[in-house]
PDB file of N, CA and C in Angstrom:
ATOM      1  N   MET A   1      45.902 -24.697 -26.292  1.00  0.00           N
ATOM      2  CA  MET A   1      45.128 -23.605 -26.854  1.00  0.00           C
ATOM      3  C   MET A   1      44.916 -23.845 -28.348  1.00  0.00           C
ATOM      4  N   ILE A   2      43.721 -23.552 -28.794  1.00  0.00           N
ATOM      5  CA  ILE A   2      43.369 -23.683 -30.194  1.00  0.00           C
ATOM      6  C   ILE A   2      43.477 -22.299 -30.827  1.00  0.00           C
ATOM      7  N   ARG A   3      44.221 -22.216 -31.917  1.00  0.00           N
ATOM      8  CA  ARG A   3      44.364 -20.956 -32.641  1.00  0.00           C
ATOM      9  C   ARG A   3      43.249 -20.857 -33.673  1.00  0.00           C
ATOM     10  N   VAL A   4      42.547 -19.717 -33.679  1.00  0.00           N
ATOM     11  CA  VAL A   4      41.424 -19.511 -34.591  1.00  0.00           C
ATOM     12  C   VAL A   4      41.646 -18.208 -35.354  1.00  0.00           C
ATOM     13  N   VAL A   5      41.525 -18.298 -36.678  1.00  0.00           N
ATOM     14  CA  VAL A   5      41.624 -17.113 -37.529  1.00  0.00           C
ATOM     15  C   VAL A   5      40.211 -16.757 -37.972  1.00  0.00           C
ATOM     16  N   LEU A   6      39.788 -15.568 -37.597  1.00  0.00           N
ATOM     17  CA  LEU A   6      38.457 -15.067 -37.954  1.00  0.00           C
ATOM     18  C   LEU A   6      38.558 -14.161 -39.173  1.00  0.00           C
ATOM     19  N   PRO A   7      37.489 -14.088 -39.983  1.00  0.00           N
ATOM     20  CA  PRO A   7      37.502 -13.120 -41.088  1.00  0.00           C
ATOM     21  C   PRO A   7      37.448 -11.700 -40.526  1.00  0.00           C
ATOM     22  N   THR A   8      37.865 -10.756 -41.335  1.00  0.00           N
ATOM     23  CA  THR A   8      37.985  -9.358 -40.901  1.00  0.00           C
ATOM     24  C   THR A   8      36.712  -8.827 -40.260  1.00  0.00           C
ATOM     25  N   HIS A   9      35.552  -9.082 -40.864  1.00  0.00           N
ATOM     26  CA  HIS A   9      34.317  -8.509 -40.314  1.00  0.00           C
ATOM     27  C   HIS A   9      33.998  -9.082 -38.930  1.00  0.00           C
ATOM     28  N   LEU A  10      34.351 -10.341 -38.668  1.00  0.00           N
ATOM     29  CA  LEU A  10      34.098 -10.905 -37.335  1.00  0.00           C
ATOM     30  C   LEU A  10      35.145 -10.437 -36.330  1.00  0.00           C
ATOM     31  N   ARG A  11      36.388 -10.217 -36.782  1.00  0.00           N
ATOM     32  CA  ARG A  11      37.403  -9.645 -35.885  1.00  0.00           C
ATOM     33  C   ARG A  11      36.972  -8.247 -35.453  1.00  0.00           C
ATOM     34  N   THR A  12      36.445  -7.470 -36.398  1.00  0.00           N
ATOM     35  CA  THR A  12      35.971  -6.119 -36.081  1.00  0.00           C
ATOM     36  C   THR A  12      34.828  -6.180 -35.074  1.00  0.00           C
ATOM     37  N   LEU A  13      33.874  -7.060 -35.303  1.00  0.00           N
ATOM     38  CA  LEU A  13      32.737  -7.211 -34.391  1.00  0.00           C
ATOM     39  C   LEU A  13      33.192  -7.637 -32.995  1.00  0.00           C
ATOM     40  N   ALA A  14      34.186  -8.527 -32.937  1.00  0.00           N
ATOM     41  CA  ALA A  14      34.688  -9.014 -31.648  1.00  0.00           C
ATOM     42  C   ALA A  14      35.681  -8.055 -31.003  1.00  0.00           C
ATOM     43  N   GLY A  15      36.157  -7.082 -31.776  1.00  0.00           N
ATOM     44  CA  GLY A  15      37.116  -6.106 -31.239  1.00  0.00           C
ATOM     45  C   GLY A  15      38.499  -6.694 -31.031  1.00  0.00           C
ATOM     46  N   VAL A  16      38.925  -7.576 -31.932  1.00  0.00           N
ATOM     47  CA  VAL A  16      40.246  -8.205 -31.819  1.00  0.00           C
ATOM     48  C   VAL A  16      41.036  -7.974 -33.096  1.00  0.00           C
ATOM     49  N   ARG A  17      42.331  -8.170 -32.983  1.00  0.00           N
ATOM     50  CA  ARG A  17      43.226  -8.115 -34.137  1.00  0.00           C
ATOM     51  C   ARG A  17      43.945  -9.442 -34.240  1.00  0.00           C
ATOM     52  N   GLY A  18      44.162  -9.897 -35.442  1.00  0.00           N
ATOM     53  CA  GLY A  18      44.892 -11.141 -35.641  1.00  0.00           C
ATOM     54  C   GLY A  18      44.090 -12.345 -35.196  1.00  0.00           C
ATOM     55  N   GLU A  19      44.809 -13.448 -34.996  1.00  0.00           N
ATOM     56  CA  GLU A  19      44.113 -14.669 -34.591  1.00  0.00           C
ATOM     57  C   GLU A  19      43.813 -14.647 -33.101  1.00  0.00           C
ATOM     58  N   VAL A  20      42.852 -15.452 -32.702  1.00  0.00           N
ATOM     59  CA  VAL A  20      42.482 -15.564 -31.289  1.00  0.00           C
ATOM     60  C   VAL A  20      42.798 -16.990 -30.829  1.00  0.00           C
ATOM     61  N   SER A  21      42.910 -17.161 -29.542  1.00  0.00           N
ATOM     62  CA  SER A  21      43.143 -18.485 -28.965  1.00  0.00           C
ATOM     63  C   SER A  21      42.015 -18.806 -28.010  1.00  0.00           C
ATOM     64  N   VAL A  22      41.559 -20.055 -28.063  1.00  0.00           N
ATOM     65  CA  VAL A  22      40.507 -20.497 -27.152  1.00  0.00           C
ATOM     66  C   VAL A  22      40.900 -21.828 -26.544  1.00  0.00           C
ATOM     67  N   GLU A  23      40.381 -22.080 -25.377  1.00  0.00           N
ATOM     68  CA  GLU A  23      40.596 -23.342 -24.663  1.00  0.00           C
ATOM     69  C   GLU A  23      39.383 -24.231 -24.905  1.00  0.00           C
ATOM     70  N   VAL A  24      39.632 -25.485 -25.208  1.00  0.00           N
ATOM     71  CA  VAL A  24      38.556 -26.442 -25.432  1.00  0.00           C
ATOM     72  C   VAL A  24      38.727 -27.591 -24.440  1.00  0.00           C
ATOM     73  N   ASP A  25      37.682 -27.860 -23.674  1.00  0.00           N
ATOM     74  CA  ASP A  25      37.682 -29.007 -22.769  1.00  0.00           C
ATOM     75  C   ASP A  25      37.104 -30.193 -23.525  1.00  0.00           C
ATOM     76  N   GLY A  26      37.771 -31.314 -23.471  1.00  0.00           N
ATOM     77  CA  GLY A  26      37.279 -32.501 -24.162  1.00  0.00           C
ATOM     78  C   GLY A  26      37.785 -32.568 -25.583  1.00  0.00           C
ATOM     79  N   PRO A  27      37.093 -33.345 -26.423  1.00  0.00           N
ATOM     80  CA  PRO A  27      37.533 -33.509 -27.811  1.00  0.00           C
ATOM     81  C   PRO A  27      37.520 -32.183 -28.573  1.00  0.00           C
ATOM     82  N   VAL A  28      38.522 -32.000 -29.418  1.00  0.00           N
ATOM     83  CA  VAL A  28      38.613 -30.787 -30.225  1.00  0.00           C
ATOM     84  C   VAL A  28      37.892 -31.047 -31.541  1.00  0.00           C
ATOM     85  N   THR A  29      36.672 -30.540 -31.627  1.00  0.00           N
ATOM     86  CA  THR A  29      35.831 -30.699 -32.810  1.00  0.00           C
ATOM     87  C   THR A  29      35.481 -29.312 -33.336  1.00  0.00           C
ATOM     88  N   GLN A  30      34.925 -29.266 -34.536  1.00  0.00           N
ATOM     89  CA  GLN A  30      34.476 -27.973 -35.046  1.00  0.00           C
ATOM     90  C   GLN A  30      33.459 -27.359 -34.091  1.00  0.00           C
ATOM     91  N   GLY A  31      32.529 -28.176 -33.625  1.00  0.00           N
ATOM     92  CA  GLY A  31      31.503 -27.689 -32.713  1.00  0.00           C
ATOM     93  C   GLY A  31      32.072 -27.152 -31.417  1.00  0.00           C
ATOM     94  N   SER A  32      33.029 -27.875 -30.828  1.00  0.00           N
ATOM     95  CA  SER A  32      33.586 -27.425 -29.549  1.00  0.00           C
ATOM     96  C   SER A  32      34.424 -26.159 -29.714  1.00  0.00           C
ATOM     97  N   VAL A  33      35.113 -26.029 -30.853  1.00  0.00           N
ATOM     98  CA  VAL A  33      35.885 -24.813 -31.106  1.00  0.00           C
ATOM     99  C   VAL A  33      34.942 -23.623 -31.296  1.00  0.00           C
ATOM    100  N   LEU A  34      33.890 -23.810 -32.084  1.00  0.00           N
ATOM    101  CA  LEU A  34      32.930 -22.718 -32.278  1.00  0.00           C
ATOM    102  C   LEU A  34      32.222 -22.364 -30.975  1.00  0.00           C
ATOM    103  N   ASP A  35      31.909 -23.374 -30.155  1.00  0.00           N
ATOM    104  CA  ASP A  35      31.316 -23.099 -28.837  1.00  0.00           C
ATOM    105  C   ASP A  35      32.256 -22.234 -27.999  1.00  0.00           C
ATOM    106  N   ALA A  36      33.548 -22.559 -28.019  1.00  0.00           N
ATOM    107  CA  ALA A  36      34.538 -21.808 -27.238  1.00  0.00           C
ATOM    108  C   ALA A  36      34.690 -20.380 -27.753  1.00  0.00           C
ATOM    109  N   VAL A  37      34.689 -20.221 -29.078  1.00  0.00           N
ATOM    110  CA  VAL A  37      34.793 -18.878 -29.661  1.00  0.00           C
ATOM    111  C   VAL A  37      33.564 -18.046 -29.264  1.00  0.00           C
ATOM    112  N   GLU A  38      32.376 -18.638 -29.365  1.00  0.00           N
ATOM    113  CA  GLU A  38      31.151 -17.909 -29.022  1.00  0.00           C
ATOM    114  C   GLU A  38      31.065 -17.618 -27.526  1.00  0.00           C
ATOM    115  N   ALA A  39      31.617 -18.493 -26.694  1.00  0.00           N
ATOM    116  CA  ALA A  39      31.625 -18.231 -25.248  1.00  0.00           C
ATOM    117  C   ALA A  39      32.556 -17.063 -24.913  1.00  0.00           C
ATOM    118  N   ARG A  40      33.689 -17.008 -25.590  1.00  0.00           N
ATOM    119  CA  ARG A  40      34.648 -15.932 -25.326  1.00  0.00           C
ATOM    120  C   ARG A  40      34.200 -14.619 -25.951  1.00  0.00           C
ATOM    121  N   PHE A  41      33.533 -14.706 -27.107  1.00  0.00           N
ATOM    122  CA  PHE A  41      33.076 -13.523 -27.829  1.00  0.00           C
ATOM    123  C   PHE A  41      31.579 -13.657 -28.099  1.00  0.00           C
ATOM    124  N   PRO A  42      30.734 -13.402 -27.087  1.00  0.00           N
ATOM    125  CA  PRO A  42      29.289 -13.612 -27.232  1.00  0.00           C
ATOM    126  C   PRO A  42      28.653 -12.804 -28.362  1.00  0.00           C
ATOM    127  N   MET A  43      29.301 -11.724 -28.768  1.00  0.00           N
ATOM    128  CA  MET A  43      28.749 -10.923 -29.871  1.00  0.00           C
ATOM    129  C   MET A  43      28.815 -11.672 -31.200  1.00  0.00           C
ATOM    130  N   LEU A  44      29.542 -12.781 -31.254  1.00  0.00           N
ATOM    131  CA  LEU A  44      29.645 -13.574 -32.476  1.00  0.00           C
ATOM    132  C   LEU A  44      28.595 -14.684 -32.570  1.00  0.00           C
ATOM    133  N   VAL A  45      27.815 -14.875 -31.504  1.00  0.00           N
ATOM    134  CA  VAL A  45      26.762 -15.897 -31.535  1.00  0.00           C
ATOM    135  C   VAL A  45      25.793 -15.571 -32.668  1.00  0.00           C
ATOM    136  N   GLY A  46      25.564 -16.549 -33.519  1.00  0.00           N
ATOM    137  CA  GLY A  46      24.657 -16.378 -34.644  1.00  0.00           C
ATOM    138  C   GLY A  46      25.318 -15.885 -35.920  1.00  0.00           C
ATOM    139  N   THR A  47      26.599 -15.549 -35.859  1.00  0.00           N
ATOM    140  CA  THR A  47      27.274 -15.053 -37.063  1.00  0.00           C
ATOM    141  C   THR A  47      27.900 -16.175 -37.887  1.00  0.00           C
ATOM    142  N   MET A  48      28.313 -17.249 -37.233  1.00  0.00           N
ATOM    143  CA  MET A  48      28.957 -18.365 -37.929  1.00  0.00           C
ATOM    144  C   MET A  48      28.004 -19.542 -38.090  1.00  0.00           C
ATOM    145  N   ARG A  49      27.105 -19.680 -37.122  1.00  0.00           N
ATOM    146  CA  ARG A  49      26.103 -20.752 -37.124  1.00  0.00           C
ATOM    147  C   ARG A  49      24.752 -20.140 -36.821  1.00  0.00           C
ATOM    148  N   ASP A  50      23.725 -20.751 -37.370  1.00  0.00           N
ATOM    149  CA  ASP A  50      22.358 -20.312 -37.086  1.00  0.00           C
ATOM    150  C   ASP A  50      22.081 -20.509 -35.601  1.00  0.00           C
ATOM    151  N   ARG A  51      21.536 -19.507 -34.937  1.00  0.00           N
ATOM    152  CA  ARG A  51      21.259 -19.597 -33.494  1.00  0.00           C
ATOM    153  C   ARG A  51      20.307 -20.737 -33.152  1.00  0.00           C
ATOM    154  N   ARG A  52      19.322 -20.952 -33.985  1.00  0.00           N
ATOM    155  CA  ARG A  52      18.282 -21.945 -33.690  1.00  0.00           C
ATOM    156  C   ARG A  52      18.724 -23.366 -34.022  1.00  0.00           C
ATOM    157  N   THR A  53      19.288 -23.546 -35.208  1.00  0.00           N
ATOM    158  CA  THR A  53      19.621 -24.900 -35.659  1.00  0.00           C
ATOM    159  C   THR A  53      21.056 -25.305 -35.369  1.00  0.00           C
ATOM    160  N   GLY A  54      21.944 -24.331 -35.193  1.00  0.00           N
ATOM    161  CA  GLY A  54      23.354 -24.631 -34.977  1.00  0.00           C
ATOM    162  C   GLY A  54      24.105 -24.976 -36.254  1.00  0.00           C
ATOM    163  N   LYS A  55      23.437 -24.889 -37.405  1.00  0.00           N
ATOM    164  CA  LYS A  55      24.075 -25.218 -38.682  1.00  0.00           C
ATOM    165  C   LYS A  55      24.893 -24.042 -39.196  1.00  0.00           C
ATOM    166  N   ARG A  56      25.914 -24.375 -39.958  1.00  0.00           N
ATOM    167  CA  ARG A  56      26.801 -23.379 -40.551  1.00  0.00           C
ATOM    168  C   ARG A  56      26.012 -22.406 -41.420  1.00  0.00           C
ATOM    169  N   ARG A  57      26.336 -21.125 -41.289  1.00  0.00           N
ATOM    170  CA  ARG A  57      25.724 -20.111 -42.145  1.00  0.00           C
ATOM    171  C   ARG A  57      26.209 -20.346 -43.584  1.00  0.00           C
ATOM    172  N   PRO A  58      25.358 -20.075 -44.582  1.00  0.00           N
ATOM    173  CA  PRO A  58      25.703 -20.376 -45.976  1.00  0.00           C
ATOM    174  C   PRO A  58      26.993 -19.731 -46.484  1.00  0.00           C
ATOM    175  N   LEU A  59      27.295 -18.522 -46.069  1.00  0.00           N
ATOM    176  CA  LEU A  59      28.488 -17.849 -46.589  1.00  0.00           C
ATOM    177  C   LEU A  59      29.674 -17.906 -45.630  1.00  0.00           C
ATOM    178  N   VAL A  60      29.701 -18.921 -44.788  1.00  0.00           N
ATOM    179  CA  VAL A  60      30.823 -19.132 -43.877  1.00  0.00           C
ATOM    180  C   VAL A  60      31.419 -20.496 -44.191  1.00  0.00           C
ATOM    181  N   ARG A  61      32.750 -20.538 -44.269  1.00  0.00           N
ATOM    182  CA  ARG A  61      33.455 -21.793 -44.552  1.00  0.00           C
ATOM    183  C   ARG A  61      34.456 -22.040 -43.429  1.00  0.00           C
ATOM    184  N   PHE A  62      34.756 -23.314 -43.187  1.00  0.00           N
ATOM    185  CA  PHE A  62      35.702 -23.719 -42.148  1.00  0.00           C
ATOM    186  C   PHE A  62      36.832 -24.532 -42.781  1.00  0.00           C
ATOM    187  N   PHE A  63      38.072 -24.192 -42.429  1.00  0.00           N
ATOM    188  CA  PHE A  63      39.239 -24.883 -42.976  1.00  0.00           C
ATOM    189  C   PHE A  63      40.213 -25.241 -41.860  1.00  0.00           C
ATOM    190  N   ALA A  64      40.918 -26.351 -42.067  1.00  0.00           N
ATOM    191  CA  ALA A  64      42.009 -26.743 -41.177  1.00  0.00           C
ATOM    192  C   ALA A  64      42.991 -27.568 -41.984  1.00  0.00           C
ATOM    193  N   CYS A  65      44.272 -27.290 -41.809  1.00  0.00           N
ATOM    194  CA  CYS A  65      45.329 -28.051 -42.492  1.00  0.00           C
ATOM    195  C   CYS A  65      45.077 -28.115 -44.000  1.00  0.00           C
ATOM    196  N   GLU A  66      44.689 -26.987 -44.574  1.00  0.00           N
ATOM    197  CA  GLU A  66      44.455 -26.836 -46.005  1.00  0.00           C
ATOM    198  C   GLU A  66      43.305 -27.688 -46.538  1.00  0.00           C
ATOM    199  N   GLU A  67      42.393 -28.090 -45.666  1.00  0.00           N
ATOM    200  CA  GLU A  67      41.221 -28.860 -46.076  1.00  0.00           C
ATOM    201  C   GLU A  67      39.950 -28.106 -45.733  1.00  0.00           C
ATOM    202  N   ASP A  68      38.994 -28.138 -46.647  1.00  0.00           N
ATOM    203  CA  ASP A  68      37.685 -27.523 -46.422  1.00  0.00           C
ATOM    204  C   ASP A  68      36.848 -28.485 -45.581  1.00  0.00           C
ATOM    205  N   LEU A  69      36.519 -28.062 -44.373  1.00  0.00           N
ATOM    206  CA  LEU A  69      35.752 -28.892 -43.445  1.00  0.00           C
ATOM    207  C   LEU A  69      34.313 -28.400 -43.312  1.00  0.00           C
ATOM    208  N   SER A  70      33.914 -27.514 -44.193  1.00  0.00           N
ATOM    209  CA  SER A  70      32.608 -26.867 -44.086  1.00  0.00           C
ATOM    210  C   SER A  70      31.436 -27.833 -44.078  1.00  0.00           C
ATOM    211  N   HIS A  71      31.561 -28.948 -44.776  1.00  0.00           N
ATOM    212  CA  HIS A  71      30.448 -29.890 -44.874  1.00  0.00           C
ATOM    213  C   HIS A  71      30.663 -31.134 -44.003  1.00  0.00           C
ATOM    214  N   GLU A  72      31.694 -31.115 -43.183  1.00  0.00           N
ATOM    215  CA  GLU A  72      31.970 -32.245 -42.290  1.00  0.00           C
ATOM    216  C   GLU A  72      31.062 -32.179 -41.064  1.00  0.00           C
ATOM    217  N   ASP A  73      30.923 -33.316 -40.407  1.00  0.00           N
ATOM    218  CA  ASP A  73      30.144 -33.409 -39.173  1.00  0.00           C
ATOM    219  C   ASP A  73      30.776 -32.503 -38.112  1.00  0.00           C
ATOM    220  N   PRO A  74      30.000 -31.611 -37.483  1.00  0.00           N
ATOM    221  CA  PRO A  74      30.562 -30.719 -36.464  1.00  0.00           C
ATOM    222  C   PRO A  74      31.135 -31.460 -35.257  1.00  0.00           C
ATOM    223  N   ASP A  75      30.760 -32.734 -35.079  1.00  0.00           N
ATOM    224  CA  ASP A  75      31.281 -33.506 -33.949  1.00  0.00           C
ATOM    225  C   ASP A  75      32.506 -34.339 -34.306  1.00  0.00           C
ATOM    226  N   ALA A  76      32.950 -34.269 -35.561  1.00  0.00           N
ATOM    227  CA  ALA A  76      34.164 -34.984 -35.963  1.00  0.00           C
ATOM    228  C   ALA A  76      35.378 -34.249 -35.400  1.00  0.00           C
ATOM    229  N   GLU A  77      36.340 -35.008 -34.912  1.00  0.00           N
ATOM    230  CA  GLU A  77      37.528 -34.383 -34.332  1.00  0.00           C
ATOM    231  C   GLU A  77      38.359 -33.693 -35.402  1.00  0.00           C
ATOM    232  N   LEU A  78      38.924 -32.540 -35.032  1.00  0.00           N
ATOM    233  CA  LEU A  78      39.788 -31.788 -35.940  1.00  0.00           C
ATOM    234  C   LEU A  78      41.164 -32.441 -35.983  1.00  0.00           C
ATOM    235  N   PRO A  79      41.956 -32.155 -37.027  1.00  0.00           N
ATOM    236  CA  PRO A  79      43.299 -32.730 -37.120  1.00  0.00           C
ATOM    237  C   PRO A  79      44.134 -32.432 -35.875  1.00  0.00           C
ATOM    238  N   GLN A  80      45.040 -33.334 -35.564  1.00  0.00           N
ATOM    239  CA  GLN A  80      45.898 -33.200 -34.383  1.00  0.00           C
ATOM    240  C   GLN A  80      46.689 -31.890 -34.406  1.00  0.00           C
ATOM    241  N   ALA A  81      47.121 -31.453 -35.585  1.00  0.00           N
ATOM    242  CA  ALA A  81      47.888 -30.204 -35.683  1.00  0.00           C
ATOM    243  C   ALA A  81      47.074 -29.003 -35.197  1.00  0.00           C
ATOM    244  N   VAL A  82      45.755 -29.033 -35.367  1.00  0.00           N
ATOM    245  CA  VAL A  82      44.896 -27.959 -34.863  1.00  0.00           C
ATOM    246  C   VAL A  82      44.736 -28.112 -33.351  1.00  0.00           C
ATOM    247  N   ALA A  83      44.527 -29.332 -32.901  1.00  0.00           N
ATOM    248  CA  ALA A  83      44.329 -29.590 -31.466  1.00  0.00           C
ATOM    249  C   ALA A  83      45.546 -29.201 -30.630  1.00  0.00           C
ATOM    250  N   THR A  84      46.740 -29.305 -31.215  1.00  0.00           N
ATOM    251  CA  THR A  84      47.962 -28.963 -30.476  1.00  0.00           C
ATOM    252  C   THR A  84      48.376 -27.509 -30.659  1.00  0.00           C
ATOM    253  N   GLY A  85      47.680 -26.779 -31.523  1.00  0.00           N
ATOM    254  CA  GLY A  85      48.005 -25.377 -31.751  1.00  0.00           C
ATOM    255  C   GLY A  85      49.066 -25.161 -32.819  1.00  0.00           C
ATOM    256  N   GLU A  86      49.520 -26.235 -33.459  1.00  0.00           N
ATOM    257  CA  GLU A  86      50.502 -26.098 -34.540  1.00  0.00           C
ATOM    258  C   GLU A  86      49.911 -25.353 -35.728  1.00  0.00           C
ATOM    259  N   GLU A  87      48.685 -25.706 -36.071  1.00  0.00           N
ATOM    260  CA  GLU A  87      47.985 -25.118 -37.205  1.00  0.00           C
ATOM    261  C   GLU A  87      46.715 -24.424 -36.705  1.00  0.00           C
ATOM    262  N   PRO A  88      46.324 -23.322 -37.352  1.00  0.00           N
ATOM    263  CA  PRO A  88      45.092 -22.643 -36.942  1.00  0.00           C
ATOM    264  C   PRO A  88      43.843 -23.270 -37.570  1.00  0.00           C
ATOM    265  N   TYR A  89      42.728 -23.002 -36.956  1.00  0.00           N
ATOM    266  CA  TYR A  89      41.413 -23.323 -37.498  1.00  0.00           C
ATOM    267  C   TYR A  89      40.932 -22.042 -38.162  1.00  0.00           C
ATOM    268  N   LEU A  90      40.623 -22.119 -39.448  1.00  0.00           N
ATOM    269  CA  LEU A  90      40.268 -20.926 -40.209  1.00  0.00           C
ATOM    270  C   LEU A  90      38.771 -20.822 -40.429  1.00  0.00           C
ATOM    271  N   ILE A  91      38.215 -19.676 -40.120  1.00  0.00           N
ATOM    272  CA  ILE A  91      36.821 -19.373 -40.410  1.00  0.00           C
ATOM    273  C   ILE A  91      36.858 -18.294 -41.486  1.00  0.00           C
ATOM    274  N   VAL A  92      36.249 -18.594 -42.630  1.00  0.00           N
ATOM    275  CA  VAL A  92      36.367 -17.727 -43.794  1.00  0.00           C
ATOM    276  C   VAL A  92      34.982 -17.295 -44.258  1.00  0.00           C
ATOM    277  N   GLY A  93      34.847 -16.017 -44.546  1.00  0.00           N
ATOM    278  CA  GLY A  93      33.618 -15.509 -45.139  1.00  0.00           C
ATOM    279  C   GLY A  93      33.682 -15.727 -46.641  1.00  0.00           C
ATOM    280  N   ALA A  94      32.804 -16.554 -47.181  1.00  0.00           N
ATOM    281  CA  ALA A  94      32.809 -16.866 -48.604  1.00  0.00           C
ATOM    282  C   ALA A  94      32.332 -15.668 -49.423  1.00  0.00           C
ATOM    283  N   MET A  95      32.772 -15.598 -50.646  1.00  0.00           N
ATOM    284  CA  MET A  95      32.371 -14.526 -51.558  1.00  0.00           C
ATOM    285  C   MET A  95      31.165 -14.981 -52.369  1.00  0.00           C
ATOM    286  N   ALA A  96      30.283 -14.066 -52.658  1.00  0.00           N
ATOM    287  CA  ALA A  96      29.116 -14.370 -53.488  1.00  0.00           C
ATOM    288  C   ALA A  96      28.880 -13.216 -54.451  1.00  0.00           C
ATOM    289  N   GLY A  97      28.163 -13.492 -55.475  1.00  0.00           N
ATOM    290  CA  GLY A  97      27.847 -12.448 -56.437  1.00  0.00           C
ATOM    291  C   GLY A  97      28.550 -12.675 -57.754  1.00  0.00           C
ATOM    292  N   GLY A  98      28.510 -11.698 -58.592  1.00  0.00           N
ATOM    293  CA  GLY A  98      29.143 -11.897 -59.896  1.00  0.00           C
ATOM    294  C   GLY A  98      29.476 -10.627 -60.568  1.00  0.00           C
TER     295      GLY A  98
END
């Protein structure tokens, strides 16, 4: 199971508290984890990635093992600690403004 930490506004939209767990078949990549999250919580489709292009939304960031993976290839495999459930995959709503 992959542990995923959602930002507060997405947890509220999905109706969950705390982190969620998803099952990923095949390689554990950012894309496959996001696919699993969107399959389990269809109300989140389009909130983290653009529905049409599949690209990351500008104010959403992805982290794993204390590394910012926001600009990495979505098909690159995530660290082993995330794949084994030792470490969570973090989805963070970035702050903007001044």
